Amino acid sequence: MKIKVFVKPNSKHPRVERISTSEYRVYVHAPPTEGKANEAVILLLSEFFSVPKSFVSIRSGAHSKIKIIEIRS
């Protein structure tokens, strides 16, 4: 499954909000430097979808707030 994710780094409360069937807003505490926010997004989405971290990967937008994420099941 591929989803579009809008990332909000430096947030107080990490969480995932569903916008539509394939769009999500992900709030992470980590800053957008050295891949820390990307790692936090992968961890949060793996918990949200109840899959291992290795099943979640960034397909595009690694250096952008808007990302395409692939989640394998």
PDB file of N, CA and C in Angstrom:
ATOM      1  N   MET A   1       0.849  -1.164   0.000  1.00  0.00           N
ATOM      2  CA  MET A   1       0.000   0.000   0.000  1.00  0.00           C
ATOM      3  C   MET A   1       0.899   1.232   0.000  1.00  0.00           C
ATOM      4  N   LYS A   2       0.555   2.212  -0.796  1.00  0.00           N
ATOM      5  CA  LYS A   2       1.288   3.477  -0.824  1.00  0.00           C
ATOM      6  C   LYS A   2       0.388   4.567  -0.277  1.00  0.00           C
ATOM      7  N   ILE A   3       0.975   5.419   0.571  1.00  0.00           N
ATOM      8  CA  ILE A   3       0.219   6.525   1.147  1.00  0.00           C
ATOM      9  C   ILE A   3       1.010   7.817   0.993  1.00  0.00           C
ATOM     10  N   LYS A   4       0.283   8.922   0.994  1.00  0.00           N
ATOM     11  CA  LYS A   4       0.899  10.246   0.960  1.00  0.00           C
ATOM     12  C   LYS A   4       0.909  10.767   2.390  1.00  0.00           C
ATOM     13  N   VAL A   5       2.072  11.255   2.824  1.00  0.00           N
ATOM     14  CA  VAL A   5       2.229  11.687   4.208  1.00  0.00           C
ATOM     15  C   VAL A   5       2.710  13.132   4.239  1.00  0.00           C
ATOM     16  N   PHE A   6       2.049  13.939   5.052  1.00  0.00           N
ATOM     17  CA  PHE A   6       2.467  15.310   5.309  1.00  0.00           C
ATOM     18  C   PHE A   6       3.114  15.318   6.691  1.00  0.00           C
ATOM     19  N   VAL A   7       4.401  15.617   6.748  1.00  0.00           N
ATOM     20  CA  VAL A   7       5.155  15.518   8.001  1.00  0.00           C
ATOM     21  C   VAL A   7       5.244  16.878   8.680  1.00  0.00           C
ATOM     22  N   LYS A   8       5.001  16.876   9.988  1.00  0.00           N
ATOM     23  CA  LYS A   8       5.130  18.074  10.815  1.00  0.00           C
ATOM     24  C   LYS A   8       6.219  17.800  11.859  1.00  0.00           C
ATOM     25  N   PRO A   9       7.484  18.169  11.572  1.00  0.00           N
ATOM     26  CA  PRO A   9       8.556  17.925  12.543  1.00  0.00           C
ATOM     27  C   PRO A   9       8.490  18.908  13.710  1.00  0.00           C
ATOM     28  N   ASN A  10       9.255  18.620  14.761  1.00  0.00           N
ATOM     29  CA  ASN A  10       9.338  19.466  15.961  1.00  0.00           C
ATOM     30  C   ASN A  10       7.989  19.651  16.649  1.00  0.00           C
ATOM     31  N   SER A  11       7.128  18.663  16.594  1.00  0.00           N
ATOM     32  CA  SER A  11       5.813  18.741  17.234  1.00  0.00           C
ATOM     33  C   SER A  11       5.911  18.311  18.690  1.00  0.00           C
ATOM     34  N   LYS A  12       5.033  18.857  19.513  1.00  0.00           N
ATOM     35  CA  LYS A  12       5.035  18.506  20.937  1.00  0.00           C
ATOM     36  C   LYS A  12       4.549  17.087  21.173  1.00  0.00           C
ATOM     37  N   HIS A  13       3.499  16.681  20.467  1.00  0.00           N
ATOM     38  CA  HIS A  13       2.875  15.381  20.695  1.00  0.00           C
ATOM     39  C   HIS A  13       2.911  14.551  19.412  1.00  0.00           C
ATOM     40  N   PRO A  14       3.746  13.505  19.372  1.00  0.00           N
ATOM     41  CA  PRO A  14       3.791  12.650  18.175  1.00  0.00           C
ATOM     42  C   PRO A  14       2.462  11.928  17.970  1.00  0.00           C
ATOM     43  N   ARG A  15       1.958  11.961  16.723  1.00  0.00           N
ATOM     44  CA  ARG A  15       0.693  11.289  16.430  1.00  0.00           C
ATOM     45  C   ARG A  15       0.512  11.176  14.920  1.00  0.00           C
ATOM     46  N   VAL A  16      -0.450  10.352  14.541  1.00  0.00           N
ATOM     47  CA  VAL A  16      -0.801  10.167  13.134  1.00  0.00           C
ATOM     48  C   VAL A  16      -2.266  10.528  12.975  1.00  0.00           C
ATOM     49  N   GLU A  17      -2.573  11.394  12.010  1.00  0.00           N
ATOM     50  CA  GLU A  17      -3.956  11.766  11.708  1.00  0.00           C
ATOM     51  C   GLU A  17      -4.281  11.312  10.291  1.00  0.00           C
ATOM     52  N   ARG A  18      -5.405  10.655  10.144  1.00  0.00           N
ATOM     53  CA  ARG A  18      -5.849  10.224   8.820  1.00  0.00           C
ATOM     54  C   ARG A  18      -6.629  11.363   8.179  1.00  0.00           C
ATOM     55  N   ILE A  19      -6.211  11.778   6.988  1.00  0.00           N
ATOM     56  CA  ILE A  19      -6.886  12.848   6.259  1.00  0.00           C
ATOM     57  C   ILE A  19      -7.903  12.247   5.295  1.00  0.00           C
ATOM     58  N   SER A  20      -7.468  11.217   4.559  1.00  0.00           N
ATOM     59  CA  SER A  20      -8.349  10.487   3.643  1.00  0.00           C
ATOM     60  C   SER A  20      -7.861   9.044   3.602  1.00  0.00           C
ATOM     61  N   THR A  21      -8.378   8.260   2.674  1.00  0.00           N
ATOM     62  CA  THR A  21      -8.007   6.842   2.640  1.00  0.00           C
ATOM     63  C   THR A  21      -6.526   6.630   2.354  1.00  0.00           C
ATOM     64  N   SER A  22      -5.902   7.553   1.647  1.00  0.00           N
ATOM     65  CA  SER A  22      -4.488   7.368   1.309  1.00  0.00           C
ATOM     66  C   SER A  22      -3.608   8.550   1.714  1.00  0.00           C
ATOM     67  N   GLU A  23      -4.132   9.442   2.548  1.00  0.00           N
ATOM     68  CA  GLU A  23      -3.361  10.606   2.992  1.00  0.00           C
ATOM     69  C   GLU A  23      -3.392  10.712   4.511  1.00  0.00           C
ATOM     70  N   TYR A  24      -2.207  10.978   5.066  1.00  0.00           N
ATOM     71  CA  TYR A  24      -2.060  11.068   6.518  1.00  0.00           C
ATOM     72  C   TYR A  24      -1.203  12.271   6.869  1.00  0.00           C
ATOM     73  N   ARG A  25      -1.427  12.813   8.046  1.00  0.00           N
ATOM     74  CA  ARG A  25      -0.577  13.861   8.598  1.00  0.00           C
ATOM     75  C   ARG A  25       0.137  13.236   9.791  1.00  0.00           C
ATOM     76  N   VAL A  26       1.473  13.309   9.800  1.00  0.00           N
ATOM     77  CA  VAL A  26       2.265  12.683  10.855  1.00  0.00           C
ATOM     78  C   VAL A  26       3.032  13.767  11.601  1.00  0.00           C
ATOM     79  N   TYR A  27       2.789  13.854  12.896  1.00  0.00           N
ATOM     80  CA  TYR A  27       3.474  14.806  13.764  1.00  0.00           C
ATOM     81  C   TYR A  27       4.572  14.057  14.510  1.00  0.00           C
ATOM     82  N   VAL A  28       5.814  14.521  14.384  1.00  0.00           N
ATOM     83  CA  VAL A  28       6.931  13.880  15.077  1.00  0.00           C
ATOM     84  C   VAL A  28       7.683  14.912  15.907  1.00  0.00           C
ATOM     85  N   HIS A  29       8.249  14.449  17.008  1.00  0.00           N
ATOM     86  CA  HIS A  29       9.007  15.321  17.910  1.00  0.00           C
ATOM     87  C   HIS A  29      10.390  15.638  17.342  1.00  0.00           C
ATOM     88  N   ALA A  30      10.925  14.768  16.514  1.00  0.00           N
ATOM     89  CA  ALA A  30      12.290  14.893  15.996  1.00  0.00           C
ATOM     90  C   ALA A  30      12.436  16.075  15.036  1.00  0.00           C
ATOM     91  N   PRO A  31      13.621  16.679  15.019  1.00  0.00           N
ATOM     92  CA  PRO A  31      13.879  17.771  14.072  1.00  0.00           C
ATOM     93  C   PRO A  31      14.168  17.216  12.674  1.00  0.00           C
ATOM     94  N   PRO A  32      13.986  18.046  11.646  1.00  0.00           N
ATOM     95  CA  PRO A  32      14.209  17.573  10.273  1.00  0.00           C
ATOM     96  C   PRO A  32      15.680  17.652   9.862  1.00  0.00           C
ATOM     97  N   THR A  33      16.571  17.142  10.699  1.00  0.00           N
ATOM     98  CA  THR A  33      17.998  17.152  10.383  1.00  0.00           C
ATOM     99  C   THR A  33      18.571  15.748  10.519  1.00  0.00           C
ATOM    100  N   GLU A  34      19.516  15.438   9.649  1.00  0.00           N
ATOM    101  CA  GLU A  34      20.232  14.163   9.677  1.00  0.00           C
ATOM    102  C   GLU A  34      19.306  12.945   9.636  1.00  0.00           C
ATOM    103  N   GLY A  35      18.143  13.081   9.009  1.00  0.00           N
ATOM    104  CA  GLY A  35      17.224  11.955   8.864  1.00  0.00           C
ATOM    105  C   GLY A  35      16.467  11.569  10.120  1.00  0.00           C
ATOM    106  N   LYS A  36      16.564  12.383  11.170  1.00  0.00           N
ATOM    107  CA  LYS A  36      15.898  12.044  12.433  1.00  0.00           C
ATOM    108  C   LYS A  36      14.383  12.046  12.292  1.00  0.00           C
ATOM    109  N   ALA A  37      13.837  13.024  11.577  1.00  0.00           N
ATOM    110  CA  ALA A  37      12.386  13.075  11.393  1.00  0.00           C
ATOM    111  C   ALA A  37      11.914  11.897  10.541  1.00  0.00           C
ATOM    112  N   ASN A  38      12.675  11.527   9.522  1.00  0.00           N
ATOM    113  CA  ASN A  38      12.308  10.378   8.685  1.00  0.00           C
ATOM    114  C   ASN A  38      12.271   9.096   9.506  1.00  0.00           C
ATOM    115  N   GLU A  39      13.255   8.901  10.374  1.00  0.00           N
ATOM    116  CA  GLU A  39      13.273   7.718  11.240  1.00  0.00           C
ATOM    117  C   GLU A  39      12.059   7.709  12.161  1.00  0.00           C
ATOM    118  N   ALA A  40      11.713   8.880  12.698  1.00  0.00           N
ATOM    119  CA  ALA A  40      10.561   8.978  13.589  1.00  0.00           C
ATOM    120  C   ALA A  40       9.262   8.693  12.843  1.00  0.00           C
ATOM    121  N   VAL A  41       9.160   9.159  11.605  1.00  0.00           N
ATOM    122  CA  VAL A  41       7.970   8.900  10.785  1.00  0.00           C
ATOM    123  C   VAL A  41       7.817   7.401  10.549  1.00  0.00           C
ATOM    124  N   ILE A  42       8.901   6.731  10.200  1.00  0.00           N
ATOM    125  CA  ILE A  42       8.851   5.287   9.950  1.00  0.00           C
ATOM    126  C   ILE A  42       8.429   4.543  11.211  1.00  0.00           C
ATOM    127  N   LEU A  43       8.995   4.917  12.350  1.00  0.00           N
ATOM    128  CA  LEU A  43       8.645   4.264  13.614  1.00  0.00           C
ATOM    129  C   LEU A  43       7.173   4.484  13.959  1.00  0.00           C
ATOM    130  N   LEU A  44       6.701   5.718  13.843  1.00  0.00           N
ATOM    131  CA  LEU A  44       5.316   6.034  14.189  1.00  0.00           C
ATOM    132  C   LEU A  44       4.331   5.321  13.260  1.00  0.00           C
ATOM    133  N   LEU A  45       4.626   5.294  11.959  1.00  0.00           N
ATOM    134  CA  LEU A  45       3.732   4.616  11.019  1.00  0.00           C
ATOM    135  C   LEU A  45       3.746   3.106  11.215  1.00  0.00           C
ATOM    136  N   SER A  46       4.894   2.544  11.570  1.00  0.00           N
ATOM    137  CA  SER A  46       4.935   1.098  11.813  1.00  0.00           C
ATOM    138  C   SER A  46       4.079   0.732  13.020  1.00  0.00           C
ATOM    139  N   GLU A  47       4.080   1.580  14.037  1.00  0.00           N
ATOM    140  CA  GLU A  47       3.217   1.345  15.203  1.00  0.00           C
ATOM    141  C   GLU A  47       1.747   1.543  14.836  1.00  0.00           C
ATOM    142  N   PHE A  48       1.454   2.576  14.054  1.00  0.00           N
ATOM    143  CA  PHE A  48       0.078   2.895  13.672  1.00  0.00           C
ATOM    144  C   PHE A  48      -0.549   1.767  12.853  1.00  0.00           C
ATOM    145  N   PHE A  49       0.221   1.206  11.911  1.00  0.00           N
ATOM    146  CA  PHE A  49      -0.290   0.143  11.044  1.00  0.00           C
ATOM    147  C   PHE A  49       0.022  -1.256  11.576  1.00  0.00           C
ATOM    148  N   SER A  50       0.662  -1.347  12.717  1.00  0.00           N
ATOM    149  CA  SER A  50       1.004  -2.629  13.364  1.00  0.00           C
ATOM    150  C   SER A  50       1.818  -3.545  12.450  1.00  0.00           C
ATOM    151  N   VAL A  51       2.874  -2.984  11.882  1.00  0.00           N
ATOM    152  CA  VAL A  51       3.800  -3.750  11.049  1.00  0.00           C
ATOM    153  C   VAL A  51       5.224  -3.474  11.540  1.00  0.00           C
ATOM    154  N   PRO A  52       6.172  -4.356  11.231  1.00  0.00           N
ATOM    155  CA  PRO A  52       7.566  -4.085  11.601  1.00  0.00           C
ATOM    156  C   PRO A  52       8.111  -2.856  10.865  1.00  0.00           C
ATOM    157  N   LYS A  53       9.096  -2.191  11.461  1.00  0.00           N
ATOM    158  CA  LYS A  53       9.704  -1.015  10.835  1.00  0.00           C
ATOM    159  C   LYS A  53      10.262  -1.328   9.453  1.00  0.00           C
ATOM    160  N   SER A  54      10.736  -2.547   9.267  1.00  0.00           N
ATOM    161  CA  SER A  54      11.323  -2.922   7.976  1.00  0.00           C
ATOM    162  C   SER A  54      10.278  -2.993   6.861  1.00  0.00           C
ATOM    163  N   PHE A  55       9.001  -2.985   7.204  1.00  0.00           N
ATOM    164  CA  PHE A  55       7.925  -3.019   6.214  1.00  0.00           C
ATOM    165  C   PHE A  55       7.515  -1.620   5.752  1.00  0.00           C
ATOM    166  N   VAL A  56       8.083  -0.580   6.359  1.00  0.00           N
ATOM    167  CA  VAL A  56       7.740   0.808   6.035  1.00  0.00           C
ATOM    168  C   VAL A  56       8.952   1.456   5.372  1.00  0.00           C
ATOM    169  N   SER A  57       8.757   2.032   4.183  1.00  0.00           N
ATOM    170  CA  SER A  57       9.878   2.681   3.501  1.00  0.00           C
ATOM    171  C   SER A  57       9.419   3.951   2.797  1.00  0.00           C
ATOM    172  N   ILE A  58      10.329   4.907   2.714  1.00  0.00           N
ATOM    173  CA  ILE A  58      10.060   6.173   2.031  1.00  0.00           C
ATOM    174  C   ILE A  58      10.397   5.978   0.560  1.00  0.00           C
ATOM    175  N   ARG A  59       9.401   6.123  -0.304  1.00  0.00           N
ATOM    176  CA  ARG A  59       9.600   5.938  -1.742  1.00  0.00           C
ATOM    177  C   ARG A  59      10.007   7.242  -2.421  1.00  0.00           C
ATOM    178  N   SER A  60       9.476   8.374  -1.957  1.00  0.00           N
ATOM    179  CA  SER A  60       9.894   9.671  -2.494  1.00  0.00           C
ATOM    180  C   SER A  60       9.658  10.733  -1.432  1.00  0.00           C
ATOM    181  N   GLY A  61      10.414  11.815  -1.540  1.00  0.00           N
ATOM    182  CA  GLY A  61      10.266  12.915  -0.601  1.00  0.00           C
ATOM    183  C   GLY A  61      11.108  12.794   0.649  1.00  0.00           C
ATOM    184  N   ALA A  62      12.246  12.121   0.571  1.00  0.00           N
ATOM    185  CA  ALA A  62      13.098  11.939   1.750  1.00  0.00           C
ATOM    186  C   ALA A  62      13.576  13.273   2.318  1.00  0.00           C
ATOM    187  N   HIS A  63      13.675  14.304   1.477  1.00  0.00           N
ATOM    188  CA  HIS A  63      14.118  15.621   1.930  1.00  0.00           C
ATOM    189  C   HIS A  63      12.992  16.647   1.849  1.00  0.00           C
ATOM    190  N   SER A  64      11.750  16.177   1.930  1.00  0.00           N
ATOM    191  CA  SER A  64      10.583  17.044   1.811  1.00  0.00           C
ATOM    192  C   SER A  64       9.601  16.733   2.932  1.00  0.00           C
ATOM    193  N   LYS A  65       8.717  17.683   3.224  1.00  0.00           N
ATOM    194  CA  LYS A  65       7.681  17.442   4.232  1.00  0.00           C
ATOM    195  C   LYS A  65       6.551  16.581   3.679  1.00  0.00           C
ATOM    196  N   ILE A  66       6.458  16.488   2.355  1.00  0.00           N
ATOM    197  CA  ILE A  66       5.446  15.642   1.719  1.00  0.00           C
ATOM    198  C   ILE A  66       6.155  14.406   1.179  1.00  0.00           C
ATOM    199  N   LYS A  67       5.732  13.237   1.639  1.00  0.00           N
ATOM    200  CA  LYS A  67       6.415  11.992   1.298  1.00  0.00           C
ATOM    201  C   LYS A  67       5.429  10.961   0.761  1.00  0.00           C
ATOM    202  N   ILE A  68       5.932  10.077  -0.064  1.00  0.00           N
ATOM    203  CA  ILE A  68       5.188   8.893  -0.477  1.00  0.00           C
ATOM    204  C   ILE A  68       5.818   7.728   0.280  1.00  0.00           C
ATOM    205  N   ILE A  69       5.006   7.044   1.067  1.00  0.00           N
ATOM    206  CA  ILE A  69       5.470   5.949   1.913  1.00  0.00           C
ATOM    207  C   ILE A  69       4.851   4.651   1.420  1.00  0.00           C
ATOM    208  N   GLU A  70       5.662   3.610   1.343  1.00  0.00           N
ATOM    209  CA  GLU A  70       5.151   2.284   0.999  1.00  0.00           C
ATOM    210  C   GLU A  70       5.134   1.431   2.260  1.00  0.00           C
ATOM    211  N   ILE A  71       3.982   0.787   2.492  1.00  0.00           N
ATOM    212  CA  ILE A  71       3.825  -0.090   3.652  1.00  0.00           C
ATOM    213  C   ILE A  71       3.486  -1.480   3.130  1.00  0.00           C
ATOM    214  N   ARG A  72       4.383  -2.422   3.404  1.00  0.00           N
ATOM    215  CA  ARG A  72       4.145  -3.809   3.000  1.00  0.00           C
ATOM    216  C   ARG A  72       3.406  -4.528   4.123  1.00  0.00           C
ATOM    217  N   SER A  73       2.601  -5.501   3.752  1.00  0.00           N
ATOM    218  CA  SER A  73       1.859  -6.246   4.783  1.00  0.00           C
ATOM    219  C   SER A  73       2.214  -7.709   4.764  1.00  0.00           C
TER     220      SER A  73
END
